[in-house]
């Protein structure tokens, strides 16, 4: 398996992206220092219809679905291949500003990853 490793941010808002090929499909993990499985999204590309779609599973009480779903959709749309995104980002006593920064960092990581593959 060939892999990619990217990070963005610093301190409490630092986020990482690790990606590996499983055959021609992609498995992507997006996480911070408190990595866990919060949500899993499966992105698909329908070659006949020319569009991407996404299915989602979220653990009770977790909000990682926002990151996982967007990433899986964008990765599958760009690569036209299946992608599985596992997201797990947790911060105790997180502020609104930290949430915004983490979402910006994860979006940047996904865009950088897409541009590399």
N, C-alpha and C. Protein backbone atom coordinates (compact mmCIF):
# COMPACT_ATOMS: atom_id res chain seq x y z
N UNK A 1 0.82 -1.19 0.00
CA UNK A 1 0.00 0.00 0.00
C UNK A 1 0.87 1.25 0.00
N UNK A 2 0.57 2.16 -0.91
CA UNK A 2 1.23 3.46 -0.92
C UNK A 2 0.45 4.39 0.00
N UNK A 3 1.16 5.23 0.74
CA UNK A 3 0.47 6.07 1.70
C UNK A 3 0.80 7.55 1.58
N UNK A 4 -0.05 8.37 2.16
CA UNK A 4 0.13 9.82 2.25
C UNK A 4 -0.06 10.21 3.70
N UNK A 5 0.70 11.20 4.15
CA UNK A 5 0.57 11.72 5.51
C UNK A 5 0.68 13.23 5.44
N UNK A 6 -0.34 13.93 5.91
CA UNK A 6 -0.36 15.39 5.92
C UNK A 6 -0.81 15.89 7.28
N UNK A 7 -0.34 17.07 7.67
CA UNK A 7 -0.82 17.72 8.89
C UNK A 7 -1.06 19.19 8.60
N UNK A 8 -1.94 19.80 9.41
CA UNK A 8 -2.24 21.22 9.28
C UNK A 8 -2.60 21.75 10.65
N UNK A 9 -2.08 22.93 10.96
CA UNK A 9 -2.41 23.59 12.21
C UNK A 9 -1.36 23.35 13.28
N UNK A 10 -1.65 23.89 14.44
CA UNK A 10 -0.73 23.73 15.58
C UNK A 10 -1.52 23.74 16.87
N UNK A 11 -0.90 23.23 17.89
CA UNK A 11 -1.54 23.20 19.20
C UNK A 11 -2.82 22.38 19.18
N UNK A 12 -3.85 22.90 19.83
CA UNK A 12 -5.11 22.17 19.98
C UNK A 12 -5.86 21.98 18.67
N UNK A 13 -5.56 22.77 17.64
CA UNK A 13 -6.30 22.67 16.38
C UNK A 13 -5.51 21.94 15.28
N UNK A 14 -4.41 21.31 15.66
CA UNK A 14 -3.63 20.54 14.69
C UNK A 14 -4.41 19.27 14.30
N UNK A 15 -4.49 19.02 13.00
CA UNK A 15 -5.22 17.88 12.47
C UNK A 15 -4.32 17.15 11.48
N UNK A 16 -4.45 15.83 11.42
CA UNK A 16 -3.66 15.01 10.50
C UNK A 16 -4.57 14.23 9.56
N UNK A 17 -4.02 13.91 8.39
CA UNK A 17 -4.70 13.07 7.41
C UNK A 17 -3.71 12.00 6.98
N UNK A 18 -4.12 10.75 7.10
CA UNK A 18 -3.34 9.61 6.61
C UNK A 18 -4.19 8.90 5.58
N UNK A 19 -3.58 8.52 4.47
CA UNK A 19 -4.34 7.86 3.41
C UNK A 19 -3.53 6.72 2.82
N UNK A 20 -4.24 5.65 2.49
CA UNK A 20 -3.61 4.47 1.93
C UNK A 20 -4.50 3.91 0.83
N UNK A 21 -3.86 3.31 -0.14
CA UNK A 21 -4.63 2.61 -1.17
C UNK A 21 -4.91 1.18 -0.71
N UNK A 22 -6.11 0.74 -0.93
CA UNK A 22 -6.49 -0.65 -0.74
C UNK A 22 -6.93 -1.11 -2.13
N UNK A 23 -5.99 -1.73 -2.86
CA UNK A 23 -6.22 -1.95 -4.28
C UNK A 23 -6.21 -0.59 -4.94
N UNK A 24 -7.25 -0.25 -5.68
CA UNK A 24 -7.34 1.08 -6.27
C UNK A 24 -8.25 2.01 -5.46
N UNK A 25 -8.81 1.51 -4.36
CA UNK A 25 -9.68 2.31 -3.49
C UNK A 25 -8.84 3.04 -2.45
N UNK A 26 -9.44 4.05 -1.83
CA UNK A 26 -8.72 4.83 -0.84
C UNK A 26 -9.33 4.69 0.55
N UNK A 27 -8.47 4.55 1.56
CA UNK A 27 -8.86 4.57 2.96
C UNK A 27 -8.16 5.78 3.57
N UNK A 28 -8.95 6.71 4.12
CA UNK A 28 -8.42 7.97 4.62
C UNK A 28 -8.83 8.13 6.08
N UNK A 29 -7.87 8.50 6.92
CA UNK A 29 -8.15 8.79 8.34
C UNK A 29 -7.85 10.26 8.60
N UNK A 30 -8.79 10.94 9.25
CA UNK A 30 -8.62 12.34 9.63
C UNK A 30 -8.80 12.41 11.14
N UNK A 31 -7.79 12.94 11.85
CA UNK A 31 -7.78 12.84 13.30
C UNK A 31 -6.89 13.91 13.92
N UNK A 32 -7.01 14.05 15.25
CA UNK A 32 -6.11 14.92 15.99
C UNK A 32 -5.39 14.08 17.05
N UNK A 33 -4.83 14.73 18.05
CA UNK A 33 -4.06 14.01 19.08
C UNK A 33 -4.93 13.06 19.89
N UNK A 34 -6.24 13.22 19.84
CA UNK A 34 -7.17 12.33 20.53
C UNK A 34 -7.89 11.44 19.53
N UNK A 35 -7.14 10.79 18.66
CA UNK A 35 -7.70 10.00 17.56
C UNK A 35 -8.64 8.91 18.06
N UNK A 36 -9.72 8.72 17.31
CA UNK A 36 -10.70 7.69 17.61
C UNK A 36 -11.58 7.51 16.36
N UNK A 37 -12.50 6.58 16.39
CA UNK A 37 -13.47 6.43 15.30
C UNK A 37 -14.75 7.14 15.73
N UNK A 38 -15.00 8.29 15.13
CA UNK A 38 -16.21 9.05 15.44
C UNK A 38 -17.26 8.89 14.37
N UNK A 39 -16.80 8.83 13.12
CA UNK A 39 -17.70 8.66 11.98
C UNK A 39 -16.95 8.01 10.83
N UNK A 40 -17.69 7.26 10.04
CA UNK A 40 -17.12 6.60 8.86
C UNK A 40 -18.02 6.94 7.68
N UNK A 41 -17.42 7.41 6.60
CA UNK A 41 -18.18 7.74 5.40
C UNK A 41 -17.61 6.97 4.21
N UNK A 42 -18.51 6.45 3.40
CA UNK A 42 -18.11 5.73 2.19
C UNK A 42 -18.54 6.55 0.98
N UNK A 43 -17.55 7.02 0.24
CA UNK A 43 -17.83 7.78 -0.97
C UNK A 43 -17.81 6.86 -2.18
N UNK A 44 -18.73 7.10 -3.08
CA UNK A 44 -18.84 6.32 -4.32
C UNK A 44 -18.92 7.28 -5.50
N UNK A 45 -18.49 6.81 -6.66
CA UNK A 45 -18.67 7.59 -7.89
C UNK A 45 -19.46 6.76 -8.88
N UNK A 46 -20.56 7.31 -9.33
CA UNK A 46 -21.41 6.64 -10.31
C UNK A 46 -20.97 7.09 -11.70
N UNK A 47 -20.25 6.23 -12.40
CA UNK A 47 -19.72 6.57 -13.72
C UNK A 47 -20.83 6.78 -14.74
N UNK A 48 -21.91 6.05 -14.60
CA UNK A 48 -23.03 6.17 -15.54
C UNK A 48 -23.71 7.54 -15.41
N UNK A 49 -23.93 7.97 -14.17
CA UNK A 49 -24.60 9.25 -13.92
C UNK A 49 -23.62 10.43 -13.83
N UNK A 50 -22.33 10.12 -13.65
CA UNK A 50 -21.32 11.18 -13.55
C UNK A 50 -21.43 11.99 -12.28
N UNK A 51 -21.73 11.31 -11.16
CA UNK A 51 -21.86 12.04 -9.89
C UNK A 51 -21.36 11.19 -8.73
N UNK A 52 -21.00 11.88 -7.67
CA UNK A 52 -20.54 11.23 -6.44
C UNK A 52 -21.67 11.20 -5.43
N UNK A 53 -21.62 10.22 -4.53
CA UNK A 53 -22.56 10.15 -3.42
C UNK A 53 -21.83 9.61 -2.20
N UNK A 54 -22.50 9.63 -1.07
CA UNK A 54 -21.83 9.26 0.17
C UNK A 54 -22.81 8.62 1.14
N UNK A 55 -22.37 7.57 1.82
CA UNK A 55 -23.12 6.94 2.91
C UNK A 55 -22.35 7.18 4.20
N UNK A 56 -23.06 7.26 5.33
CA UNK A 56 -22.43 7.71 6.56
C UNK A 56 -22.88 6.90 7.77
N UNK A 57 -21.94 6.60 8.65
CA UNK A 57 -22.20 6.01 9.97
C UNK A 57 -21.55 6.91 11.01
N UNK A 58 -22.29 7.26 12.05
CA UNK A 58 -21.76 8.12 13.10
C UNK A 58 -21.98 7.48 14.46
N UNK A 59 -20.95 7.49 15.28
CA UNK A 59 -21.09 6.97 16.64
C UNK A 59 -21.93 7.90 17.48
N UNK A 60 -22.68 7.31 18.38
CA UNK A 60 -23.55 8.05 19.29
C UNK A 60 -22.77 9.16 19.99
N UNK A 61 -23.29 10.36 19.93
CA UNK A 61 -22.68 11.48 20.63
C UNK A 61 -21.51 12.14 19.92
N UNK A 62 -21.16 11.67 18.74
CA UNK A 62 -20.02 12.23 18.01
C UNK A 62 -20.50 13.14 16.89
N UNK A 63 -19.66 14.10 16.53
CA UNK A 63 -20.01 15.05 15.47
C UNK A 63 -18.99 15.02 14.34
N UNK A 64 -18.25 13.94 14.23
CA UNK A 64 -17.22 13.81 13.20
C UNK A 64 -17.82 13.56 11.82
N UNK A 65 -19.14 13.38 11.74
CA UNK A 65 -19.80 13.12 10.47
C UNK A 65 -19.63 14.26 9.49
N UNK A 66 -19.55 15.48 9.97
CA UNK A 66 -19.39 16.65 9.09
C UNK A 66 -18.09 16.53 8.31
N UNK A 67 -17.02 16.17 9.00
CA UNK A 67 -15.70 16.04 8.37
C UNK A 67 -15.68 14.81 7.46
N UNK A 68 -16.14 13.67 7.95
CA UNK A 68 -16.06 12.42 7.18
C UNK A 68 -16.87 12.49 5.89
N UNK A 69 -18.10 12.99 5.97
CA UNK A 69 -18.97 13.01 4.79
C UNK A 69 -18.43 13.94 3.71
N UNK A 70 -18.02 15.13 4.08
CA UNK A 70 -17.49 16.07 3.10
C UNK A 70 -16.23 15.52 2.43
N UNK A 71 -15.34 14.95 3.24
CA UNK A 71 -14.09 14.43 2.69
C UNK A 71 -14.34 13.26 1.74
N UNK A 72 -15.18 12.31 2.14
CA UNK A 72 -15.45 11.14 1.29
C UNK A 72 -16.09 11.56 -0.03
N UNK A 73 -17.02 12.50 0.05
CA UNK A 73 -17.68 12.98 -1.16
C UNK A 73 -16.66 13.63 -2.11
N UNK A 74 -15.86 14.55 -1.59
CA UNK A 74 -14.90 15.26 -2.44
C UNK A 74 -13.84 14.33 -3.01
N UNK A 75 -13.35 13.41 -2.20
CA UNK A 75 -12.31 12.49 -2.67
C UNK A 75 -12.85 11.58 -3.77
N UNK A 76 -14.05 11.04 -3.59
CA UNK A 76 -14.63 10.18 -4.62
C UNK A 76 -15.00 10.96 -5.87
N UNK A 77 -15.48 12.18 -5.69
CA UNK A 77 -15.81 13.02 -6.85
C UNK A 77 -14.57 13.30 -7.68
N UNK A 78 -13.45 13.58 -7.02
CA UNK A 78 -12.21 13.90 -7.73
C UNK A 78 -11.56 12.67 -8.36
N UNK A 79 -11.48 11.59 -7.58
CA UNK A 79 -10.76 10.40 -8.06
C UNK A 79 -11.62 9.48 -8.92
N UNK A 80 -12.95 9.64 -8.78
CA UNK A 80 -13.92 8.76 -9.46
C UNK A 80 -13.74 7.30 -9.02
N UNK A 81 -13.36 7.16 -7.73
CA UNK A 81 -13.14 5.85 -7.13
C UNK A 81 -13.78 5.82 -5.74
N UNK A 82 -14.02 4.61 -5.22
CA UNK A 82 -14.53 4.50 -3.85
C UNK A 82 -13.51 5.03 -2.84
N UNK A 83 -14.03 5.66 -1.78
CA UNK A 83 -13.17 6.10 -0.70
C UNK A 83 -13.89 5.87 0.63
N UNK A 84 -13.13 5.46 1.62
CA UNK A 84 -13.63 5.29 2.97
C UNK A 84 -12.89 6.28 3.86
N UNK A 85 -13.63 7.18 4.50
CA UNK A 85 -13.02 8.17 5.38
C UNK A 85 -13.45 7.89 6.81
N UNK A 86 -12.46 7.75 7.67
CA UNK A 86 -12.69 7.55 9.11
C UNK A 86 -12.23 8.84 9.79
N UNK A 87 -13.16 9.50 10.49
CA UNK A 87 -12.82 10.75 11.16
C UNK A 87 -12.98 10.61 12.66
N UNK A 88 -12.01 11.13 13.39
CA UNK A 88 -12.04 11.12 14.85
C UNK A 88 -11.25 12.27 15.42
N UNK A 89 -11.95 13.36 15.71
CA UNK A 89 -11.31 14.56 16.25
C UNK A 89 -12.04 14.91 17.55
N UNK A 90 -11.29 15.02 18.63
CA UNK A 90 -11.91 15.34 19.92
C UNK A 90 -11.04 16.33 20.68
N UNK A 91 -11.69 17.34 21.25
CA UNK A 91 -11.04 18.29 22.15
C UNK A 91 -11.98 18.54 23.33
N UNK A 92 -11.47 18.40 24.53
CA UNK A 92 -12.25 18.76 25.71
C UNK A 92 -12.43 20.27 25.74
N UNK A 93 -13.61 20.71 26.15
CA UNK A 93 -13.90 22.14 26.30
C UNK A 93 -13.58 22.95 25.05
N UNK A 94 -13.95 22.43 23.89
CA UNK A 94 -13.66 23.09 22.63
C UNK A 94 -14.46 24.39 22.50
N UNK A 95 -13.84 25.41 21.90
CA UNK A 95 -14.51 26.69 21.69
C UNK A 95 -15.01 26.77 20.25
N UNK A 96 -15.90 27.71 19.98
CA UNK A 96 -16.39 27.93 18.62
C UNK A 96 -15.24 28.25 17.67
N UNK A 97 -14.30 29.06 18.13
CA UNK A 97 -13.15 29.43 17.31
C UNK A 97 -12.31 28.19 16.97
N UNK A 98 -12.14 27.30 17.93
CA UNK A 98 -11.38 26.07 17.68
C UNK A 98 -12.12 25.17 16.69
N UNK A 99 -13.44 25.09 16.81
CA UNK A 99 -14.23 24.29 15.86
C UNK A 99 -14.02 24.84 14.45
N UNK A 100 -14.14 26.14 14.29
CA UNK A 100 -13.96 26.77 12.98
C UNK A 100 -12.56 26.51 12.43
N UNK A 101 -11.54 26.61 13.28
CA UNK A 101 -10.17 26.39 12.84
C UNK A 101 -9.95 24.94 12.44
N UNK A 102 -10.50 24.01 13.20
CA UNK A 102 -10.36 22.59 12.88
C UNK A 102 -11.06 22.28 11.56
N UNK A 103 -12.25 22.83 11.34
CA UNK A 103 -12.95 22.60 10.07
C UNK A 103 -12.16 23.19 8.90
N UNK A 104 -11.56 24.36 9.11
CA UNK A 104 -10.72 24.97 8.07
C UNK A 104 -9.49 24.10 7.80
N UNK A 105 -8.86 23.61 8.86
CA UNK A 105 -7.67 22.76 8.71
C UNK A 105 -8.00 21.46 7.99
N UNK A 106 -9.13 20.83 8.34
CA UNK A 106 -9.49 19.57 7.68
C UNK A 106 -9.82 19.81 6.22
N UNK A 107 -10.49 20.90 5.91
CA UNK A 107 -10.80 21.23 4.52
C UNK A 107 -9.52 21.43 3.73
N UNK A 108 -8.56 22.13 4.31
CA UNK A 108 -7.26 22.35 3.67
C UNK A 108 -6.54 21.03 3.43
N UNK A 109 -6.56 20.14 4.41
CA UNK A 109 -5.90 18.84 4.25
C UNK A 109 -6.52 18.03 3.12
N UNK A 110 -7.84 18.00 3.04
CA UNK A 110 -8.51 17.26 1.98
C UNK A 110 -8.16 17.85 0.62
N UNK A 111 -8.19 19.18 0.51
CA UNK A 111 -7.83 19.82 -0.76
C UNK A 111 -6.38 19.50 -1.15
N UNK A 112 -5.47 19.57 -0.20
CA UNK A 112 -4.06 19.24 -0.49
C UNK A 112 -3.92 17.78 -0.91
N UNK A 113 -4.61 16.89 -0.21
CA UNK A 113 -4.55 15.48 -0.56
C UNK A 113 -5.05 15.24 -1.98
N UNK A 114 -6.19 15.83 -2.30
CA UNK A 114 -6.76 15.67 -3.64
C UNK A 114 -5.80 16.18 -4.71
N UNK A 115 -5.15 17.29 -4.43
CA UNK A 115 -4.22 17.85 -5.43
C UNK A 115 -2.98 16.99 -5.61
N UNK A 116 -2.65 16.15 -4.63
CA UNK A 116 -1.47 15.28 -4.71
C UNK A 116 -1.71 13.96 -5.42
N UNK A 117 -2.97 13.54 -5.50
CA UNK A 117 -3.22 12.20 -6.06
C UNK A 117 -3.72 12.21 -7.48
